[in-house]
Structures are given as C-alpha cells and as structure tokens.
Amino acid sequence: MYSEQSYTDKEVFFVDSCESIKIEVLHYPPANIILNHPPILFIHGITIAAWAWDNFCHWFSNKGHDCYAMSFRGHGQSTKTPKKDKWWSLNEITNDVSAVTDAIFARTGYKPVLVG
C-alpha cells in the first residue's frame, strides 16, 4: 500500500482566555515552510475536540502549512467548567477563538485562516 504520510510531531500548548479558562491548542508545524501563507486554525463542532482534526492537520502540515487545532472550553484538555452540561454563550466562544488567534498571530506574525 502506497502512503505519503510522514507526520511531523505535534506540540500541545495552552492559551489563556477570559474567566481563568485555558484553551488547549494542538500545533502541527509545517514539514516545509511555504512563505507568505497564513497559518490554518481548525475549529471543531459539538461533542469532540481538537483531536478530531488530526488527519487534516497532518495532511496540510505535510504540504507545508502551519496548522493549529483548538479545543473549546469544556472539551479536550481545555478547562472544564463546574457544570458540565452548561451551554456557553456566543460571547464566551468568541473570546476563546479570539485568544487563540491572537496567540497564533504572536507566534507567526500572521492571522490564521479559520476552518470549521
């Protein structure tokens, strides 16, 4: 079976959001750097976490893209809230995404393209 897979190591780091929330971010560094291409931030849906984008992030990073995937609060390794069945407001989710995009900009100098 032919396979082009040569995965890069992924890095896990946490970004401080509002209300003492720490957001899990998985970083998949590019295998080859493509100049002038913004990083990609993958955002998951309900009941999953950043790991759901693992195959996509590996594929894009092998093509030279700097990839990130975040876990919303209460998901993955991000901060759990005391009430697990709590629904988060759009403002809370927006703050978390904004904190992660700011952290990516600080690391790379580029605003990420969002994929969800």
PDB file of N, CA and C in Angstrom:
ATOM      1  N   MET A   1       0.843  -1.181   0.000  1.00  0.00           N
ATOM      2  CA  MET A   1       0.000   0.000   0.000  1.00  0.00           C
ATOM      3  C   MET A   1       0.885   1.240   0.000  1.00  0.00           C
ATOM      4  N   TYR A   2       0.612   2.156  -0.886  1.00  0.00           N
ATOM      5  CA  TYR A   2       1.386   3.392  -1.002  1.00  0.00           C
ATOM      6  C   TYR A   2       0.884   4.403   0.018  1.00  0.00           C
ATOM      7  N   SER A   3       1.798   5.066   0.695  1.00  0.00           N
ATOM      8  CA  SER A   3       1.423   6.094   1.658  1.00  0.00           C
ATOM      9  C   SER A   3       2.408   7.250   1.594  1.00  0.00           C
ATOM     10  N   GLU A   4       1.862   8.463   1.567  1.00  0.00           N
ATOM     11  CA  GLU A   4       2.690   9.667   1.559  1.00  0.00           C
ATOM     12  C   GLU A   4       2.863  10.223   2.959  1.00  0.00           C
ATOM     13  N   GLN A   5       2.380   9.513   3.962  1.00  0.00           N
ATOM     14  CA  GLN A   5       2.365  10.053   5.307  1.00  0.00           C
ATOM     15  C   GLN A   5       3.747  10.066   5.935  1.00  0.00           C
ATOM     16  N   SER A   6       4.179  11.234   6.325  1.00  0.00           N
ATOM     17  CA  SER A   6       5.385  11.394   7.118  1.00  0.00           C
ATOM     18  C   SER A   6       5.071  12.488   8.126  1.00  0.00           C
ATOM     19  N   TYR A   7       4.361  12.115   9.163  1.00  0.00           N
ATOM     20  CA  TYR A   7       3.833  13.082  10.113  1.00  0.00           C
ATOM     21  C   TYR A   7       4.914  13.839  10.857  1.00  0.00           C
ATOM     22  N   THR A   8       4.653  15.128  11.035  1.00  0.00           N
ATOM     23  CA  THR A   8       5.515  15.922  11.895  1.00  0.00           C
ATOM     24  C   THR A   8       5.009  15.776  13.321  1.00  0.00           C
ATOM     25  N   ASP A   9       5.877  16.009  14.275  1.00  0.00           N
ATOM     26  CA  ASP A   9       5.457  15.956  15.667  1.00  0.00           C
ATOM     27  C   ASP A   9       4.531  17.118  15.957  1.00  0.00           C
ATOM     28  N   LYS A  10       3.493  16.857  16.733  1.00  0.00           N
ATOM     29  CA  LYS A  10       2.612  17.955  17.105  1.00  0.00           C
ATOM     30  C   LYS A  10       2.974  18.429  18.511  1.00  0.00           C
ATOM     31  N   GLU A  11       2.734  19.694  18.730  1.00  0.00           N
ATOM     32  CA  GLU A  11       3.010  20.338  20.004  1.00  0.00           C
ATOM     33  C   GLU A  11       1.666  20.681  20.641  1.00  0.00           C
ATOM     34  N   VAL A  12       1.569  20.539  21.954  1.00  0.00           N
ATOM     35  CA  VAL A  12       0.367  20.941  22.682  1.00  0.00           C
ATOM     36  C   VAL A  12       0.737  22.139  23.548  1.00  0.00           C
ATOM     37  N   PHE A  13      -0.063  23.192  23.462  1.00  0.00           N
ATOM     38  CA  PHE A  13       0.129  24.321  24.364  1.00  0.00           C
ATOM     39  C   PHE A  13      -1.238  24.867  24.749  1.00  0.00           C
ATOM     40  N   PHE A  14      -1.242  25.739  25.741  1.00  0.00           N
ATOM     41  CA  PHE A  14      -2.494  26.275  26.262  1.00  0.00           C
ATOM     42  C   PHE A  14      -2.477  27.795  26.175  1.00  0.00           C
ATOM     43  N   VAL A  15      -3.641  28.350  25.840  1.00  0.00           N
ATOM     44  CA  VAL A  15      -3.805  29.795  25.707  1.00  0.00           C
ATOM     45  C   VAL A  15      -4.776  30.251  26.789  1.00  0.00           C
ATOM     46  N   ASP A  16      -4.413  31.331  27.487  1.00  0.00           N
ATOM     47  CA  ASP A  16      -5.306  31.903  28.495  1.00  0.00           C
ATOM     48  C   ASP A  16      -6.418  32.673  27.810  1.00  0.00           C
ATOM     49  N   SER A  17      -7.662  32.343  28.166  1.00  0.00           N
ATOM     50  CA  SER A  17      -8.813  33.084  27.686  1.00  0.00           C
ATOM     51  C   SER A  17      -9.395  33.839  28.878  1.00  0.00           C
ATOM     52  N   CYS A  18     -10.594  34.319  28.765  1.00  0.00           N
ATOM     53  CA  CYS A  18     -11.214  35.042  29.869  1.00  0.00           C
ATOM     54  C   CYS A  18     -11.673  34.066  30.961  1.00  0.00           C
ATOM     55  N   GLU A  19     -11.975  34.590  32.124  1.00  0.00           N
ATOM     56  CA  GLU A  19     -12.522  33.813  33.242  1.00  0.00           C
ATOM     57  C   GLU A  19     -11.617  32.670  33.682  1.00  0.00           C
ATOM     58  N   SER A  20     -10.303  32.840  33.597  1.00  0.00           N
ATOM     59  CA  SER A  20      -9.320  31.817  34.014  1.00  0.00           C
ATOM     60  C   SER A  20      -9.461  30.513  33.226  1.00  0.00           C
ATOM     61  N   ILE A  21      -9.925  30.600  32.019  1.00  0.00           N
ATOM     62  CA  ILE A  21     -10.074  29.434  31.146  1.00  0.00           C
ATOM     63  C   ILE A  21      -8.793  29.257  30.346  1.00  0.00           C
ATOM     64  N   LYS A  22      -8.290  28.031  30.303  1.00  0.00           N
ATOM     65  CA  LYS A  22      -7.132  27.696  29.468  1.00  0.00           C
ATOM     66  C   LYS A  22      -7.623  26.854  28.303  1.00  0.00           C
ATOM     67  N   ILE A  23      -7.263  27.283  27.098  1.00  0.00           N
ATOM     68  CA  ILE A  23      -7.709  26.621  25.874  1.00  0.00           C
ATOM     69  C   ILE A  23      -6.575  25.756  25.330  1.00  0.00           C
ATOM     70  N   GLU A  24      -6.877  24.476  25.103  1.00  0.00           N
ATOM     71  CA  GLU A  24      -5.907  23.551  24.511  1.00  0.00           C
ATOM     72  C   GLU A  24      -5.752  23.860  23.023  1.00  0.00           C
ATOM     73  N   VAL A  25      -4.489  23.935  22.582  1.00  0.00           N
ATOM     74  CA  VAL A  25      -4.199  24.145  21.169  1.00  0.00           C
ATOM     75  C   VAL A  25      -3.179  23.102  20.735  1.00  0.00           C
ATOM     76  N   LEU A  26      -3.486  22.402  19.656  1.00  0.00           N
ATOM     77  CA  LEU A  26      -2.542  21.463  19.058  1.00  0.00           C
ATOM     78  C   LEU A  26      -1.884  22.170  17.887  1.00  0.00           C
ATOM     79  N   HIS A  27      -0.565  22.102  17.824  1.00  0.00           N
ATOM     80  CA  HIS A  27       0.182  22.754  16.747  1.00  0.00           C
ATOM     81  C   HIS A  27       0.891  21.684  15.926  1.00  0.00           C
ATOM     82  N   TYR A  28       0.693  21.738  14.627  1.00  0.00           N
ATOM     83  CA  TYR A  28       1.311  20.819  13.679  1.00  0.00           C
ATOM     84  C   TYR A  28       2.234  21.657  12.798  1.00  0.00           C
ATOM     85  N   PRO A  29       3.532  21.698  13.116  1.00  0.00           N
ATOM     86  CA  PRO A  29       4.442  22.530  12.322  1.00  0.00           C
ATOM     87  C   PRO A  29       4.555  22.025  10.887  1.00  0.00           C
ATOM     88  N   PRO A  30       4.830  22.920   9.966  1.00  0.00           N
ATOM     89  CA  PRO A  30       4.927  22.512   8.561  1.00  0.00           C
ATOM     90  C   PRO A  30       6.164  21.659   8.305  1.00  0.00           C
ATOM     91  N   ALA A  31       6.007  20.674   7.426  1.00  0.00           N
ATOM     92  CA  ALA A  31       7.155  19.854   7.021  1.00  0.00           C
ATOM     93  C   ALA A  31       8.125  20.701   6.209  1.00  0.00           C
ATOM     94  N   ASN A  32       7.607  21.550   5.330  1.00  0.00           N
ATOM     95  CA  ASN A  32       8.392  22.504   4.540  1.00  0.00           C
ATOM     96  C   ASN A  32       7.686  23.838   4.694  1.00  0.00           C
ATOM     97  N   ILE A  33       8.430  24.860   4.894  1.00  0.00           N
ATOM     98  CA  ILE A  33       7.808  26.164   5.081  1.00  0.00           C
ATOM     99  C   ILE A  33       7.447  26.776   3.730  1.00  0.00           C
ATOM    100  N   ILE A  34       6.184  27.179   3.619  1.00  0.00           N
ATOM    101  CA  ILE A  34       5.709  27.889   2.432  1.00  0.00           C
ATOM    102  C   ILE A  34       5.623  29.360   2.826  1.00  0.00           C
ATOM    103  N   LEU A  35       6.391  30.207   2.168  1.00  0.00           N
ATOM    104  CA  LEU A  35       6.405  31.615   2.525  1.00  0.00           C
ATOM    105  C   LEU A  35       5.113  32.310   2.125  1.00  0.00           C
ATOM    106  N   ASN A  36       4.735  33.291   2.916  1.00  0.00           N
ATOM    107  CA  ASN A  36       3.554  34.123   2.673  1.00  0.00           C
ATOM    108  C   ASN A  36       2.235  33.358   2.697  1.00  0.00           C
ATOM    109  N   HIS A  37       2.201  32.225   3.370  1.00  0.00           N
ATOM    110  CA  HIS A  37       0.946  31.501   3.561  1.00  0.00           C
ATOM    111  C   HIS A  37       0.561  31.615   5.024  1.00  0.00           C
ATOM    112  N   PRO A  38      -0.642  32.081   5.316  1.00  0.00           N
ATOM    113  CA  PRO A  38      -1.047  32.212   6.717  1.00  0.00           C
ATOM    114  C   PRO A  38      -1.236  30.839   7.354  1.00  0.00           C
ATOM    115  N   PRO A  39      -1.125  30.772   8.675  1.00  0.00           N
ATOM    116  CA  PRO A  39      -1.409  29.518   9.362  1.00  0.00           C
ATOM    117  C   PRO A  39      -2.899  29.184   9.248  1.00  0.00           C
ATOM    118  N   ILE A  40      -3.237  27.935   9.522  1.00  0.00           N
ATOM    119  CA  ILE A  40      -4.627  27.482   9.478  1.00  0.00           C
ATOM    120  C   ILE A  40      -5.036  27.083  10.887  1.00  0.00           C
ATOM    121  N   LEU A  41      -6.196  27.583  11.341  1.00  0.00           N
ATOM    122  CA  LEU A  41      -6.760  27.198  12.640  1.00  0.00           C
ATOM    123  C   LEU A  41      -8.030  26.401  12.399  1.00  0.00           C
ATOM    124  N   PHE A  42      -8.030  25.158  12.855  1.00  0.00           N
ATOM    125  CA  PHE A  42      -9.186  24.269  12.718  1.00  0.00           C
ATOM    126  C   PHE A  42     -10.018  24.343  13.999  1.00  0.00           C
ATOM    127  N   ILE A  43     -11.327  24.522  13.823  1.00  0.00           N
ATOM    128  CA  ILE A  43     -12.250  24.667  14.950  1.00  0.00           C
ATOM    129  C   ILE A  43     -13.287  23.557  14.866  1.00  0.00           C
ATOM    130  N   HIS A  44     -13.399  22.787  15.934  1.00  0.00           N
ATOM    131  CA  HIS A  44     -14.274  21.599  15.945  1.00  0.00           C
ATOM    132  C   HIS A  44     -15.740  21.936  16.194  1.00  0.00           C
ATOM    133  N   GLY A  45     -16.578  20.931  16.021  1.00  0.00           N
ATOM    134  CA  GLY A  45     -18.001  21.047  16.316  1.00  0.00           C
ATOM    135  C   GLY A  45     -18.311  20.507  17.701  1.00  0.00           C
ATOM    136  N   ILE A  46     -19.555  20.246  17.953  1.00  0.00           N
ATOM    137  CA  ILE A  46     -20.009  19.825  19.276  1.00  0.00           C
ATOM    138  C   ILE A  46     -19.576  18.381  19.587  1.00  0.00           C
ATOM    139  N   THR A  47     -19.340  18.110  20.829  1.00  0.00           N
ATOM    140  CA  THR A  47     -19.013  16.799  21.430  1.00  0.00           C
ATOM    141  C   THR A  47     -17.663  16.210  21.021  1.00  0.00           C
ATOM    142  N   ILE A  48     -16.822  16.957  20.353  1.00  0.00           N
ATOM    143  CA  ILE A  48     -15.485  16.468  20.018  1.00  0.00           C
ATOM    144  C   ILE A  48     -14.460  17.498  20.486  1.00  0.00           C
ATOM    145  N   ALA A  49     -13.238  17.392  20.045  1.00  0.00           N
ATOM    146  CA  ALA A  49     -12.184  18.318  20.474  1.00  0.00           C
ATOM    147  C   ALA A  49     -11.183  18.484  19.335  1.00  0.00           C
ATOM    148  N   ALA A  50     -10.068  19.141  19.626  1.00  0.00           N
ATOM    149  CA  ALA A  50      -9.049  19.433  18.616  1.00  0.00           C
ATOM    150  C   ALA A  50      -8.562  18.174  17.907  1.00  0.00           C
ATOM    151  N   TRP A  51      -8.508  17.058  18.617  1.00  0.00           N
ATOM    152  CA  TRP A  51      -8.017  15.798  18.031  1.00  0.00           C
ATOM    153  C   TRP A  51      -8.807  15.387  16.789  1.00  0.00           C
ATOM    154  N   ALA A  52     -10.031  15.869  16.652  1.00  0.00           N
ATOM    155  CA  ALA A  52     -10.864  15.484  15.503  1.00  0.00           C
ATOM    156  C   ALA A  52     -10.246  15.936  14.176  1.00  0.00           C
ATOM    157  N   TRP A  53      -9.376  16.938  14.220  1.00  0.00           N
ATOM    158  CA  TRP A  53      -8.750  17.478  13.015  1.00  0.00           C
ATOM    159  C   TRP A  53      -7.381  16.867  12.748  1.00  0.00           C
ATOM    160  N   ASP A  54      -6.983  15.872  13.505  1.00  0.00           N
ATOM    161  CA  ASP A  54      -5.637  15.305  13.425  1.00  0.00           C
ATOM    162  C   ASP A  54      -5.228  14.937  11.996  1.00  0.00           C
ATOM    163  N   ASN A  55      -6.050  14.178  11.290  1.00  0.00           N
ATOM    164  CA  ASN A  55      -5.694  13.759   9.926  1.00  0.00           C
ATOM    165  C   ASN A  55      -5.562  14.947   8.979  1.00  0.00           C
ATOM    166  N   PHE A  56      -6.482  15.908   9.075  1.00  0.00           N
ATOM    167  CA  PHE A  56      -6.425  17.092   8.213  1.00  0.00           C
ATOM    168  C   PHE A  56      -5.177  17.915   8.515  1.00  0.00           C
ATOM    169  N   CYS A  57      -4.885  18.103   9.810  1.00  0.00           N
ATOM    170  CA  CYS A  57      -3.711  18.902  10.195  1.00  0.00           C
ATOM    171  C   CYS A  57      -2.424  18.241   9.725  1.00  0.00           C
ATOM    172  N   HIS A  58      -2.331  16.924   9.860  1.00  0.00           N
ATOM    173  CA  HIS A  58      -1.145  16.226   9.366  1.00  0.00           C
ATOM    174  C   HIS A  58      -1.020  16.380   7.850  1.00  0.00           C
ATOM    175  N   TRP A  59      -2.129  16.236   7.138  1.00  0.00           N
ATOM    176  CA  TRP A  59      -2.093  16.339   5.680  1.00  0.00           C
ATOM    177  C   TRP A  59      -1.618  17.737   5.256  1.00  0.00           C
ATOM    178  N   PHE A  60      -2.240  18.788   5.821  1.00  0.00           N
ATOM    179  CA  PHE A  60      -1.868  20.152   5.448  1.00  0.00           C
ATOM    180  C   PHE A  60      -0.449  20.496   5.894  1.00  0.00           C
ATOM    181  N   SER A  61      -0.030  20.036   7.069  1.00  0.00           N
ATOM    182  CA  SER A  61       1.337  20.340   7.527  1.00  0.00           C
ATOM    183  C   SER A  61       2.363  19.639   6.642  1.00  0.00           C
ATOM    184  N   ASN A  62       2.033  18.453   6.144  1.00  0.00           N
ATOM    185  CA  ASN A  62       2.938  17.767   5.208  1.00  0.00           C
ATOM    186  C   ASN A  62       3.037  18.494   3.874  1.00  0.00           C
ATOM    187  N   LYS A  63       2.039  19.315   3.568  1.00  0.00           N
ATOM    188  CA  LYS A  63       2.061  20.124   2.345  1.00  0.00           C
ATOM    189  C   LYS A  63       2.707  21.484   2.590  1.00  0.00           C
ATOM    190  N   GLY A  64       3.173  21.740   3.832  1.00  0.00           N
ATOM    191  CA  GLY A  64       3.893  22.964   4.131  1.00  0.00           C
ATOM    192  C   GLY A  64       3.121  24.024   4.890  1.00  0.00           C
ATOM    193  N   HIS A  65       1.904  23.709   5.323  1.00  0.00           N
ATOM    194  CA  HIS A  65       1.098  24.693   6.047  1.00  0.00           C
ATOM    195  C   HIS A  65       1.299  24.547   7.555  1.00  0.00           C
ATOM    196  N   ASP A  66       1.340  25.676   8.247  1.00  0.00           N
ATOM    197  CA  ASP A  66       1.437  25.715   9.701  1.00  0.00           C
ATOM    198  C   ASP A  66       0.023  25.562  10.250  1.00  0.00           C
ATOM    199  N   CYS A  67      -0.279  24.440  10.915  1.00  0.00           N
ATOM    200  CA  CYS A  67      -1.651  24.124  11.321  1.00  0.00           C
ATOM    201  C   CYS A  67      -1.825  24.117  12.833  1.00  0.00           C
ATOM    202  N   TYR A  68      -2.992  24.581  13.249  1.00  0.00           N
ATOM    203  CA  TYR A  68      -3.378  24.601  14.653  1.00  0.00           C
ATOM    204  C   TYR A  68      -4.806  24.075  14.748  1.00  0.00           C
ATOM    205  N   ALA A  69      -5.119  23.416  15.872  1.00  0.00           N
ATOM    206  CA  ALA A  69      -6.490  22.999  16.162  1.00  0.00           C
ATOM    207  C   ALA A  69      -6.748  23.291  17.630  1.00  0.00           C
ATOM    208  N   MET A  70      -7.882  23.890  17.928  1.00  0.00           N
ATOM    209  CA  MET A  70      -8.193  24.252  19.312  1.00  0.00           C
ATOM    210  C   MET A  70      -9.340  23.414  19.843  1.00  0.00           C
ATOM    211  N   SER A  71      -9.359  23.250  21.168  1.00  0.00           N
ATOM    212  CA  SER A  71     -10.481  22.603  21.851  1.00  0.00           C
ATOM    213  C   SER A  71     -11.238  23.681  22.617  1.00  0.00           C
ATOM    214  N   PHE A  72     -12.535  23.779  22.376  1.00  0.00           N
ATOM    215  CA  PHE A  72     -13.339  24.753  23.119  1.00  0.00           C
ATOM    216  C   PHE A  72     -13.310  24.448  24.610  1.00  0.00           C
ATOM    217  N   ARG A  73     -13.631  25.427  25.422  1.00  0.00           N
ATOM    218  CA  ARG A  73     -13.742  25.218  26.864  1.00  0.00           C
ATOM    219  C   ARG A  73     -14.668  24.037  27.146  1.00  0.00           C
ATOM    220  N   GLY A  74     -14.266  23.224  28.114  1.00  0.00           N
ATOM    221  CA  GLY A  74     -15.051  22.038  28.454  1.00  0.00           C
ATOM    222  C   GLY A  74     -14.808  20.852  27.542  1.00  0.00           C
ATOM    223  N   HIS A  75     -13.972  21.000  26.517  1.00  0.00           N
ATOM    224  CA  HIS A  75     -13.672  19.932  25.568  1.00  0.00           C
ATOM    225  C   HIS A  75     -12.179  19.618  25.613  1.00  0.00           C
ATOM    226  N   GLY A  76     -11.817  18.413  25.213  1.00  0.00           N
ATOM    227  CA  GLY A  76     -10.414  18.025  25.169  1.00  0.00           C
ATOM    228  C   GLY A  76      -9.730  18.288  26.496  1.00  0.00           C
ATOM    229  N   GLN A  77      -8.554  18.933  26.444  1.00  0.00           N
ATOM    230  CA  GLN A  77      -7.806  19.258  27.657  1.00  0.00           C
ATOM    231  C   GLN A  77      -8.001  20.713  28.087  1.00  0.00           C
ATOM    232  N   SER A  78      -8.944  21.409  27.458  1.00  0.00           N
ATOM    233  CA  SER A  78      -9.247  22.781  27.883  1.00  0.00           C
ATOM    234  C   SER A  78      -9.921  22.740  29.251  1.00  0.00           C
ATOM    235  N   THR A  79      -9.937  23.868  29.923  1.00  0.00           N
ATOM    236  CA  THR A  79     -10.516  23.952  31.262  1.00  0.00           C
ATOM    237  C   THR A  79     -11.960  23.473  31.262  1.00  0.00           C
ATOM    238  N   LYS A  80     -12.250  22.590  32.211  1.00  0.00           N
ATOM    239  CA  LYS A  80     -13.620  22.123  32.408  1.00  0.00           C
ATOM    240  C   LYS A  80     -14.322  23.120  33.322  1.00  0.00           C
ATOM    241  N   THR A  81     -15.584  23.321  33.106  1.00  0.00           N
ATOM    242  CA  THR A  81     -16.353  24.219  33.963  1.00  0.00           C
ATOM    243  C   THR A  81     -17.065  23.388  35.022  1.00  0.00           C
ATOM    244  N   PRO A  82     -17.401  24.016  36.147  1.00  0.00           N
ATOM    245  CA  PRO A  82     -18.028  23.244  37.233  1.00  0.00           C
ATOM    246  C   PRO A  82     -19.297  22.511  36.814  1.00  0.00           C
ATOM    247  N   LYS A  83     -20.078  23.115  35.947  1.00  0.00           N
ATOM    248  CA  LYS A  83     -21.319  22.489  35.491  1.00  0.00           C
ATOM    249  C   LYS A  83     -21.090  21.971  34.085  1.00  0.00           C
ATOM    250  N   LYS A  84     -20.898  20.657  33.942  1.00  0.00           N
ATOM    251  CA  LYS A  84     -20.512  20.081  32.649  1.00  0.00           C
ATOM    252  C   LYS A  84     -21.572  20.230  31.573  1.00  0.00           C
ATOM    253  N   ASP A  85     -22.837  20.352  31.956  1.00  0.00           N
ATOM    254  CA  ASP A  85     -23.885  20.449  30.934  1.00  0.00           C
ATOM    255  C   ASP A  85     -24.200  21.906  30.580  1.00  0.00           C
ATOM    256  N   LYS A  86     -23.343  22.817  31.011  1.00  0.00           N
ATOM    257  CA  LYS A  86     -23.550  24.242  30.739  1.00  0.00           C
ATOM    258  C   LYS A  86     -23.406  24.528  29.249  1.00  0.00           C
ATOM    259  N   TRP A  87     -24.265  25.368  28.739  1.00  0.00           N
ATOM    260  CA  TRP A  87     -24.122  25.853  27.370  1.00  0.00           C
ATOM    261  C   TRP A  87     -23.358  27.157  27.433  1.00  0.00           C
ATOM    262  N   TRP A  88     -22.360  27.313  26.610  1.00  0.00           N
ATOM    263  CA  TRP A  88     -21.557  28.523  26.630  1.00  0.00           C
ATOM    264  C   TRP A  88     -22.155  29.533  25.673  1.00  0.00           C
ATOM    265  N   SER A  89     -22.017  30.777  26.052  1.00  0.00           N
ATOM    266  CA  SER A  89     -22.568  31.845  25.212  1.00  0.00           C
ATOM    267  C   SER A  89     -21.685  32.055  23.987  1.00  0.00           C
ATOM    268  N   LEU A  90     -22.260  32.670  22.983  1.00  0.00           N
ATOM    269  CA  LEU A  90     -21.504  33.003  21.782  1.00  0.00           C
ATOM    270  C   LEU A  90     -20.349  33.938  22.138  1.00  0.00           C
ATOM    271  N   ASN A  91     -20.558  34.826  23.098  1.00  0.00           N
ATOM    272  CA  ASN A  91     -19.510  35.742  23.538  1.00  0.00           C
ATOM    273  C   ASN A  91     -18.332  34.974  24.157  1.00  0.00           C
ATOM    274  N   GLU A  92     -18.614  33.949  24.963  1.00  0.00           N
ATOM    275  CA  GLU A  92     -17.542  33.143  25.572  1.00  0.00           C
ATOM    276  C   GLU A  92     -16.746  32.401  24.504  1.00  0.00           C
ATOM    277  N   ILE A  93     -17.440  31.797  23.555  1.00  0.00           N
ATOM    278  CA  ILE A  93     -16.771  31.068  22.482  1.00  0.00           C
ATOM    279  C   ILE A  93     -15.953  32.033  21.620  1.00  0.00           C
ATOM    280  N   THR A  94     -16.516  33.200  21.325  1.00  0.00           N
ATOM    281  CA  THR A  94     -15.804  34.203  20.539  1.00  0.00           C
ATOM    282  C   THR A  94     -14.534  34.651  21.254  1.00  0.00           C
ATOM    283  N   ASN A  95     -14.618  34.847  22.570  1.00  0.00           N
ATOM    284  CA  ASN A  95     -13.433  35.224  23.341  1.00  0.00           C
ATOM    285  C   ASN A  95     -12.351  34.150  23.251  1.00  0.00           C
ATOM    286  N   ASP A  96     -12.755  32.880  23.306  1.00  0.00           N
ATOM    287  CA  ASP A  96     -11.782  31.783  23.231  1.00  0.00           C
ATOM    288  C   ASP A  96     -11.104  31.738  21.861  1.00  0.00           C
ATOM    289  N   VAL A  97     -11.888  31.850  20.803  1.00  0.00           N
ATOM    290  CA  VAL A  97     -11.319  31.843  19.445  1.00  0.00           C
ATOM    291  C   VAL A  97     -10.402  33.046  19.263  1.00  0.00           C
ATOM    292  N   SER A  98     -10.824  34.203  19.757  1.00  0.00           N
ATOM    293  CA  SER A  98     -10.011  35.409  19.643  1.00  0.00           C
ATOM    294  C   SER A  98      -8.684  35.268  20.390  1.00  0.00           C
ATOM    295  N   ALA A  99      -8.715  34.681  21.582  1.00  0.00           N
ATOM    296  CA  ALA A  99      -7.484  34.478  22.355  1.00  0.00           C
ATOM    297  C   ALA A  99      -6.517  33.563  21.605  1.00  0.00           C
ATOM    298  N   VAL A 100      -7.044  32.523  20.965  1.00  0.00           N
ATOM    299  CA  VAL A 100      -6.195  31.593  20.218  1.00  0.00           C
ATOM    300  C   VAL A 100      -5.648  32.257  18.959  1.00  0.00           C
ATOM    301  N   THR A 101      -6.487  32.992  18.228  1.00  0.00           N
ATOM    302  CA  THR A 101      -5.980  33.659  17.020  1.00  0.00           C
ATOM    303  C   THR A 101      -4.919  34.706  17.380  1.00  0.00           C
ATOM    304  N   ASP A 102      -5.101  35.396  18.504  1.00  0.00           N
ATOM    305  CA  ASP A 102      -4.079  36.358  18.959  1.00  0.00           C
ATOM    306  C   ASP A 102      -2.767  35.643  19.282  1.00  0.00           C
ATOM    307  N   ALA A 103      -2.849  34.482  19.923  1.00  0.00           N
ATOM    308  CA  ALA A 103      -1.643  33.717  20.264  1.00  0.00           C
ATOM    309  C   ALA A 103      -0.931  33.234  18.997  1.00  0.00           C
ATOM    310  N   ILE A 104      -1.692  32.797  18.011  1.00  0.00           N
ATOM    311  CA  ILE A 104      -1.098  32.352  16.743  1.00  0.00           C
ATOM    312  C   ILE A 104      -0.436  33.539  16.035  1.00  0.00           C
ATOM    313  N   PHE A 105      -1.094  34.693  16.037  1.00  0.00           N
ATOM    314  CA  PHE A 105      -0.507  35.882  15.434  1.00  0.00           C
ATOM    315  C   PHE A 105       0.798  36.254  16.141  1.00  0.00           C
ATOM    316  N   ALA A 106       0.825  36.157  17.473  1.00  0.00           N
ATOM    317  CA  ALA A 106       2.040  36.472  18.230  1.00  0.00           C
ATOM    318  C   ALA A 106       3.183  35.517  17.873  1.00  0.00           C
ATOM    319  N   ARG A 107       2.858  34.254  17.593  1.00  0.00           N
ATOM    320  CA  ARG A 107       3.870  33.261  17.240  1.00  0.00           C
ATOM    321  C   ARG A 107       4.363  33.413  15.802  1.00  0.00           C
ATOM    322  N   THR A 108       3.466  33.737  14.889  1.00  0.00           N
ATOM    323  CA  THR A 108       3.781  33.643  13.460  1.00  0.00           C
ATOM    324  C   THR A 108       3.861  34.977  12.731  1.00  0.00           C
ATOM    325  N   GLY A 109       3.193  35.998  13.272  1.00  0.00           N
ATOM    326  CA  GLY A 109       3.106  37.280  12.577  1.00  0.00           C
ATOM    327  C   GLY A 109       2.000  37.302  11.538  1.00  0.00           C
ATOM    328  N   TYR A 110       1.200  36.228  11.468  1.00  0.00           N
ATOM    329  CA  TYR A 110       0.089  36.146  10.519  1.00  0.00           C
ATOM    330  C   TYR A 110      -1.203  35.815  11.273  1.00  0.00           C
ATOM    331  N   LYS A 111      -2.317  36.376  10.802  1.00  0.00           N
ATOM    332  CA  LYS A 111      -3.620  35.970  11.313  1.00  0.00           C
ATOM    333  C   LYS A 111      -3.979  34.655  10.630  1.00  0.00           C
ATOM    334  N   PRO A 112      -4.534  33.702  11.386  1.00  0.00           N
ATOM    335  CA  PRO A 112      -4.838  32.409  10.779  1.00  0.00           C
ATOM    336  C   PRO A 112      -6.120  32.428   9.947  1.00  0.00           C
ATOM    337  N   VAL A 113      -6.165  31.514   9.005  1.00  0.00           N
ATOM    338  CA  VAL A 113      -7.388  31.215   8.266  1.00  0.00           C
ATOM    339  C   VAL A 113      -8.164  30.236   9.137  1.00  0.00           C
ATOM    340  N   LEU A 114      -9.480  30.497   9.343  1.00  0.00           N
ATOM    341  CA  LEU A 114     -10.293  29.631  10.184  1.00  0.00           C
ATOM    342  C   LEU A 114     -11.002  28.590   9.335  1.00  0.00           C
ATOM    343  N   VAL A 115     -10.954  27.343   9.801  1.00  0.00           N
ATOM    344  CA  VAL A 115     -11.659  26.236   9.134  1.00  0.00           C
ATOM    345  C   VAL A 115     -12.479  25.540  10.205  1.00  0.00           C
ATOM    346  N   GLY A 116     -13.770  25.339   9.929  1.00  0.00           N
ATOM    347  CA  GLY A 116     -14.619  24.675  10.926  1.00  0.00           C
ATOM    348  C   GLY A 116     -15.733  23.924  10.273  1.00  0.00           C
TER     349      GLY A 116
END
